[in-house]
Amino acid sequence: MAQGVMEVSDTSFEDEVLQAEQPVLVDFWAPWCGPCRAISPIVEELAGAFGDRIKFAKCNVDDNPVTPGKYGIRAIPTLIFFKEGTVVEQVTGMVAKSKLEDTINKVLS
């Protein structure tokens, strides 16, 4: 599978995230959100480093209002880690790359 970050929508979320065989990090974001744009290259970097063990996805909250509503997302960026269709970790706001690496390692362990 190609390394990188895929786009998920309200319609593809079930298949791509909840049914995924490996853990999935979903970055809930919007184009107008400054911190979302700032964290995006970090997420892409992590996808390069961990993409063989964890799937990376982005969900635009403006285009896909159902999924963020289902997970109670009030602020963006919010990164949610799913494992076997269940939320296992959540990080909200602009955080350091090291914090995300720690969270990924925790999800993978």
N, C-alpha and C. Protein backbone atom coordinates (compact mmCIF):
# COMPACT_ATOMS: atom_id res chain seq x y z
N MET A 1 0.84 -1.19 0.00
CA MET A 1 0.00 0.00 0.00
C MET A 1 0.89 1.26 0.00
N ALA A 2 0.49 2.24 -0.76
CA ALA A 2 1.28 3.47 -0.86
C ALA A 2 1.29 4.19 0.49
N GLN A 3 2.45 4.69 0.85
CA GLN A 3 2.56 5.46 2.09
C GLN A 3 1.92 6.81 1.85
N GLY A 4 1.33 7.35 2.86
CA GLY A 4 0.73 8.66 2.71
C GLY A 4 -0.57 8.75 3.47
N VAL A 5 -1.27 9.83 3.22
CA VAL A 5 -2.49 10.11 3.96
C VAL A 5 -3.66 10.10 2.98
N MET A 6 -4.65 9.29 3.27
CA MET A 6 -5.82 9.20 2.39
C MET A 6 -6.95 10.09 2.91
N GLU A 7 -7.82 10.50 2.01
CA GLU A 7 -9.00 11.27 2.40
C GLU A 7 -10.12 10.29 2.71
N VAL A 8 -10.81 10.48 3.82
CA VAL A 8 -12.01 9.69 4.09
C VAL A 8 -13.21 10.61 4.20
N SER A 9 -14.37 10.08 3.86
CA SER A 9 -15.61 10.86 3.88
C SER A 9 -16.61 10.15 4.78
N ASP A 10 -17.76 10.78 4.97
CA ASP A 10 -18.83 10.14 5.74
C ASP A 10 -19.18 8.78 5.14
N THR A 11 -19.13 8.68 3.82
CA THR A 11 -19.51 7.43 3.16
C THR A 11 -18.41 6.37 3.21
N SER A 12 -17.14 6.76 3.16
CA SER A 12 -16.06 5.76 3.14
C SER A 12 -15.51 5.44 4.53
N PHE A 13 -15.95 6.18 5.54
CA PHE A 13 -15.38 6.05 6.90
C PHE A 13 -15.49 4.63 7.45
N GLU A 14 -16.67 4.05 7.32
CA GLU A 14 -16.91 2.69 7.83
C GLU A 14 -15.89 1.71 7.23
N ASP A 15 -15.79 1.70 5.90
CA ASP A 15 -14.89 0.75 5.22
C ASP A 15 -13.42 1.04 5.51
N GLU A 16 -13.03 2.30 5.37
CA GLU A 16 -11.61 2.66 5.45
C GLU A 16 -11.06 2.70 6.87
N VAL A 17 -11.91 3.06 7.84
CA VAL A 17 -11.43 3.24 9.21
C VAL A 17 -11.93 2.13 10.14
N LEU A 18 -13.23 1.98 10.22
CA LEU A 18 -13.79 1.05 11.20
C LEU A 18 -13.54 -0.41 10.84
N GLN A 19 -13.45 -0.70 9.54
CA GLN A 19 -13.21 -2.09 9.10
C GLN A 19 -11.73 -2.37 8.83
N ALA A 20 -10.88 -1.39 9.05
CA ALA A 20 -9.45 -1.55 8.74
C ALA A 20 -8.81 -2.66 9.58
N GLU A 21 -7.89 -3.38 8.98
CA GLU A 21 -7.21 -4.45 9.70
C GLU A 21 -6.11 -3.93 10.61
N GLN A 22 -5.60 -2.73 10.30
CA GLN A 22 -4.56 -2.15 11.16
C GLN A 22 -5.11 -0.89 11.83
N PRO A 23 -4.41 -0.39 12.85
CA PRO A 23 -4.89 0.85 13.49
C PRO A 23 -4.94 2.00 12.47
N VAL A 24 -5.80 2.95 12.73
CA VAL A 24 -5.96 4.10 11.83
C VAL A 24 -5.93 5.39 12.63
N LEU A 25 -5.14 6.36 12.15
CA LEU A 25 -5.15 7.71 12.72
C LEU A 25 -5.98 8.56 11.77
N VAL A 26 -7.03 9.19 12.28
CA VAL A 26 -7.85 10.08 11.45
C VAL A 26 -7.65 11.51 11.94
N ASP A 27 -7.22 12.36 11.01
CA ASP A 27 -7.00 13.79 11.27
C ASP A 27 -8.27 14.53 10.83
N PHE A 28 -9.06 15.01 11.80
CA PHE A 28 -10.25 15.80 11.49
C PHE A 28 -9.82 17.25 11.37
N TRP A 29 -10.09 17.86 10.21
CA TRP A 29 -9.53 19.17 9.90
C TRP A 29 -10.49 19.96 9.00
N ALA A 30 -10.12 21.21 8.73
CA ALA A 30 -10.82 22.06 7.76
C ALA A 30 -9.79 22.97 7.10
N PRO A 31 -10.02 23.32 5.83
CA PRO A 31 -9.05 24.14 5.08
C PRO A 31 -8.80 25.52 5.70
N TRP A 32 -9.79 26.09 6.39
CA TRP A 32 -9.66 27.44 6.96
C TRP A 32 -8.97 27.44 8.32
N CYS A 33 -8.65 26.26 8.84
CA CYS A 33 -8.10 26.15 10.20
C CYS A 33 -6.57 26.20 10.17
N GLY A 34 -6.00 27.26 10.74
CA GLY A 34 -4.54 27.44 10.76
C GLY A 34 -3.78 26.30 11.43
N PRO A 35 -4.16 25.93 12.67
CA PRO A 35 -3.47 24.82 13.33
C PRO A 35 -3.59 23.50 12.55
N CYS A 36 -4.71 23.31 11.84
CA CYS A 36 -4.88 22.10 11.02
C CYS A 36 -3.82 22.08 9.91
N ARG A 37 -3.63 23.24 9.29
CA ARG A 37 -2.63 23.33 8.21
C ARG A 37 -1.22 23.14 8.77
N ALA A 38 -1.01 23.59 10.01
CA ALA A 38 0.31 23.47 10.64
C ALA A 38 0.63 22.02 11.01
N ILE A 39 -0.38 21.27 11.43
CA ILE A 39 -0.12 19.89 11.87
C ILE A 39 -0.07 18.92 10.69
N SER A 40 -0.64 19.33 9.57
CA SER A 40 -0.72 18.45 8.39
C SER A 40 0.64 17.88 7.94
N PRO A 41 1.70 18.72 7.81
CA PRO A 41 3.00 18.16 7.39
C PRO A 41 3.57 17.18 8.41
N ILE A 42 3.25 17.37 9.69
CA ILE A 42 3.71 16.44 10.73
C ILE A 42 3.03 15.09 10.55
N VAL A 43 1.72 15.13 10.29
CA VAL A 43 0.97 13.89 10.06
C VAL A 43 1.53 13.17 8.84
N GLU A 44 1.84 13.94 7.78
CA GLU A 44 2.40 13.33 6.56
C GLU A 44 3.77 12.70 6.83
N GLU A 45 4.58 13.38 7.64
CA GLU A 45 5.89 12.84 8.02
C GLU A 45 5.74 11.52 8.79
N LEU A 46 4.79 11.51 9.72
CA LEU A 46 4.55 10.30 10.51
C LEU A 46 4.01 9.17 9.63
N ALA A 47 3.22 9.53 8.62
CA ALA A 47 2.72 8.52 7.69
C ALA A 47 3.89 7.86 6.96
N GLY A 48 4.91 8.67 6.65
CA GLY A 48 6.11 8.13 6.01
C GLY A 48 6.86 7.18 6.93
N ALA A 49 6.88 7.50 8.22
CA ALA A 49 7.62 6.70 9.19
C ALA A 49 6.86 5.46 9.66
N PHE A 50 5.54 5.60 9.84
CA PHE A 50 4.76 4.52 10.46
C PHE A 50 3.74 3.91 9.50
N GLY A 51 3.73 4.36 8.23
CA GLY A 51 2.70 3.96 7.28
C GLY A 51 2.58 2.48 7.02
N ASP A 52 3.63 1.71 7.35
CA ASP A 52 3.54 0.27 7.15
C ASP A 52 2.78 -0.42 8.28
N ARG A 53 2.62 0.28 9.43
CA ARG A 53 1.96 -0.33 10.59
C ARG A 53 0.66 0.33 11.00
N ILE A 54 0.44 1.54 10.50
CA ILE A 54 -0.77 2.28 10.86
C ILE A 54 -1.24 3.04 9.63
N LYS A 55 -2.55 3.12 9.46
CA LYS A 55 -3.12 3.80 8.31
C LYS A 55 -3.38 5.26 8.71
N PHE A 56 -3.12 6.18 7.80
CA PHE A 56 -3.33 7.60 8.07
C PHE A 56 -4.43 8.15 7.17
N ALA A 57 -5.37 8.87 7.76
CA ALA A 57 -6.49 9.41 6.99
C ALA A 57 -6.82 10.82 7.48
N LYS A 58 -7.42 11.61 6.57
CA LYS A 58 -7.89 12.95 6.90
C LYS A 58 -9.38 13.01 6.60
N CYS A 59 -10.10 13.72 7.45
CA CYS A 59 -11.54 13.91 7.21
C CYS A 59 -11.85 15.40 7.32
N ASN A 60 -12.27 16.00 6.21
CA ASN A 60 -12.63 17.41 6.18
C ASN A 60 -13.99 17.58 6.85
N VAL A 61 -14.01 18.27 7.99
CA VAL A 61 -15.24 18.38 8.79
C VAL A 61 -16.32 19.23 8.10
N ASP A 62 -15.91 20.13 7.21
CA ASP A 62 -16.88 20.95 6.49
C ASP A 62 -17.64 20.11 5.46
N ASP A 63 -16.91 19.24 4.77
CA ASP A 63 -17.51 18.41 3.72
C ASP A 63 -18.21 17.18 4.28
N ASN A 64 -17.81 16.76 5.47
CA ASN A 64 -18.33 15.52 6.05
C ASN A 64 -18.76 15.75 7.50
N PRO A 65 -19.94 16.33 7.71
CA PRO A 65 -20.36 16.69 9.07
C PRO A 65 -20.82 15.52 9.93
N VAL A 66 -21.20 14.40 9.33
CA VAL A 66 -21.80 13.30 10.09
C VAL A 66 -20.78 12.62 11.01
N THR A 67 -19.62 12.26 10.44
CA THR A 67 -18.61 11.52 11.21
C THR A 67 -18.08 12.32 12.40
N PRO A 68 -17.66 13.59 12.23
CA PRO A 68 -17.20 14.35 13.39
C PRO A 68 -18.29 14.48 14.46
N GLY A 69 -19.54 14.61 14.03
CA GLY A 69 -20.66 14.70 14.97
C GLY A 69 -20.79 13.43 15.79
N LYS A 70 -20.60 12.30 15.13
CA LYS A 70 -20.70 10.99 15.78
C LYS A 70 -19.65 10.82 16.88
N TYR A 71 -18.47 11.43 16.66
CA TYR A 71 -17.38 11.29 17.63
C TYR A 71 -17.24 12.51 18.54
N GLY A 72 -18.22 13.40 18.51
CA GLY A 72 -18.26 14.53 19.44
C GLY A 72 -17.13 15.52 19.26
N ILE A 73 -16.70 15.73 18.02
CA ILE A 73 -15.59 16.64 17.78
C ILE A 73 -16.06 18.09 17.86
N ARG A 74 -15.47 18.82 18.79
CA ARG A 74 -15.86 20.23 19.03
C ARG A 74 -14.76 21.18 18.57
N ALA A 75 -13.53 20.69 18.49
CA ALA A 75 -12.40 21.55 18.12
C ALA A 75 -11.54 20.80 17.11
N ILE A 76 -10.94 21.56 16.21
CA ILE A 76 -10.02 20.95 15.25
C ILE A 76 -8.69 21.69 15.32
N PRO A 77 -7.59 21.06 14.99
CA PRO A 77 -7.52 19.66 14.57
C PRO A 77 -7.74 18.70 15.74
N THR A 78 -8.43 17.60 15.46
CA THR A 78 -8.55 16.50 16.41
C THR A 78 -8.07 15.25 15.68
N LEU A 79 -7.14 14.55 16.31
CA LEU A 79 -6.62 13.31 15.75
C LEU A 79 -7.17 12.18 16.60
N ILE A 80 -7.88 11.26 15.97
CA ILE A 80 -8.42 10.12 16.70
C ILE A 80 -7.78 8.84 16.17
N PHE A 81 -7.36 8.01 17.10
CA PHE A 81 -6.75 6.73 16.77
C PHE A 81 -7.78 5.63 16.96
N PHE A 82 -8.01 4.85 15.91
CA PHE A 82 -8.96 3.75 15.96
C PHE A 82 -8.20 2.44 15.87
N LYS A 83 -8.67 1.46 16.63
CA LYS A 83 -8.11 0.12 16.58
C LYS A 83 -9.29 -0.84 16.59
N GLU A 84 -9.40 -1.67 15.56
CA GLU A 84 -10.52 -2.61 15.44
C GLU A 84 -11.86 -1.89 15.57
N GLY A 85 -11.96 -0.71 14.95
CA GLY A 85 -13.22 0.02 14.92
C GLY A 85 -13.56 0.80 16.18
N THR A 86 -12.64 0.81 17.16
CA THR A 86 -12.88 1.48 18.43
C THR A 86 -11.89 2.63 18.64
N VAL A 87 -12.37 3.73 19.22
CA VAL A 87 -11.48 4.84 19.55
C VAL A 87 -10.58 4.42 20.71
N VAL A 88 -9.25 4.49 20.49
CA VAL A 88 -8.32 4.11 21.56
C VAL A 88 -7.54 5.31 22.11
N GLU A 89 -7.37 6.34 21.30
CA GLU A 89 -6.67 7.55 21.76
C GLU A 89 -7.24 8.74 21.00
N GLN A 90 -7.12 9.93 21.60
CA GLN A 90 -7.56 11.15 20.94
C GLN A 90 -6.64 12.29 21.34
N VAL A 91 -6.22 13.08 20.35
CA VAL A 91 -5.36 14.23 20.59
C VAL A 91 -6.03 15.43 19.93
N THR A 92 -6.23 16.50 20.70
CA THR A 92 -6.88 17.69 20.15
C THR A 92 -5.91 18.86 20.17
N GLY A 93 -5.92 19.63 19.08
CA GLY A 93 -5.10 20.83 19.01
C GLY A 93 -3.74 20.57 18.39
N MET A 94 -3.00 21.63 18.25
CA MET A 94 -1.65 21.55 17.67
C MET A 94 -0.72 21.01 18.75
N VAL A 95 -0.14 19.85 18.50
CA VAL A 95 0.76 19.24 19.47
C VAL A 95 2.11 18.94 18.82
N ALA A 96 3.10 18.69 19.63
CA ALA A 96 4.44 18.39 19.12
C ALA A 96 4.46 17.03 18.44
N LYS A 97 5.35 16.91 17.46
CA LYS A 97 5.51 15.65 16.75
C LYS A 97 5.84 14.52 17.72
N SER A 98 6.65 14.81 18.74
CA SER A 98 7.05 13.79 19.71
C SER A 98 5.84 13.24 20.46
N LYS A 99 4.87 14.10 20.76
CA LYS A 99 3.65 13.63 21.45
C LYS A 99 2.87 12.68 20.55
N LEU A 100 2.79 13.01 19.27
CA LEU A 100 2.09 12.13 18.33
C LEU A 100 2.83 10.80 18.16
N GLU A 101 4.17 10.87 18.11
CA GLU A 101 4.96 9.64 18.02
C GLU A 101 4.73 8.76 19.24
N ASP A 102 4.71 9.36 20.42
CA ASP A 102 4.45 8.61 21.66
C ASP A 102 3.08 7.94 21.60
N THR A 103 2.08 8.70 21.14
CA THR A 103 0.72 8.18 21.06
C THR A 103 0.65 7.02 20.05
N ILE A 104 1.30 7.19 18.91
CA ILE A 104 1.33 6.11 17.89
C ILE A 104 1.97 4.86 18.48
N ASN A 105 3.10 5.02 19.15
CA ASN A 105 3.79 3.87 19.74
C ASN A 105 2.91 3.17 20.78
N LYS A 106 2.16 3.96 21.54
CA LYS A 106 1.25 3.40 22.53
C LYS A 106 0.14 2.58 21.84
N VAL A 107 -0.41 3.14 20.75
CA VAL A 107 -1.46 2.45 20.00
C VAL A 107 -0.93 1.16 19.39
N LEU A 108 0.30 1.19 18.93
CA LEU A 108 0.89 0.01 18.28
C LEU A 108 1.35 -1.07 19.26
N SER A 109 1.54 -0.70 20.51
CA SER A 109 2.09 -1.69 21.47
C SER A 109 1.01 -2.64 21.97
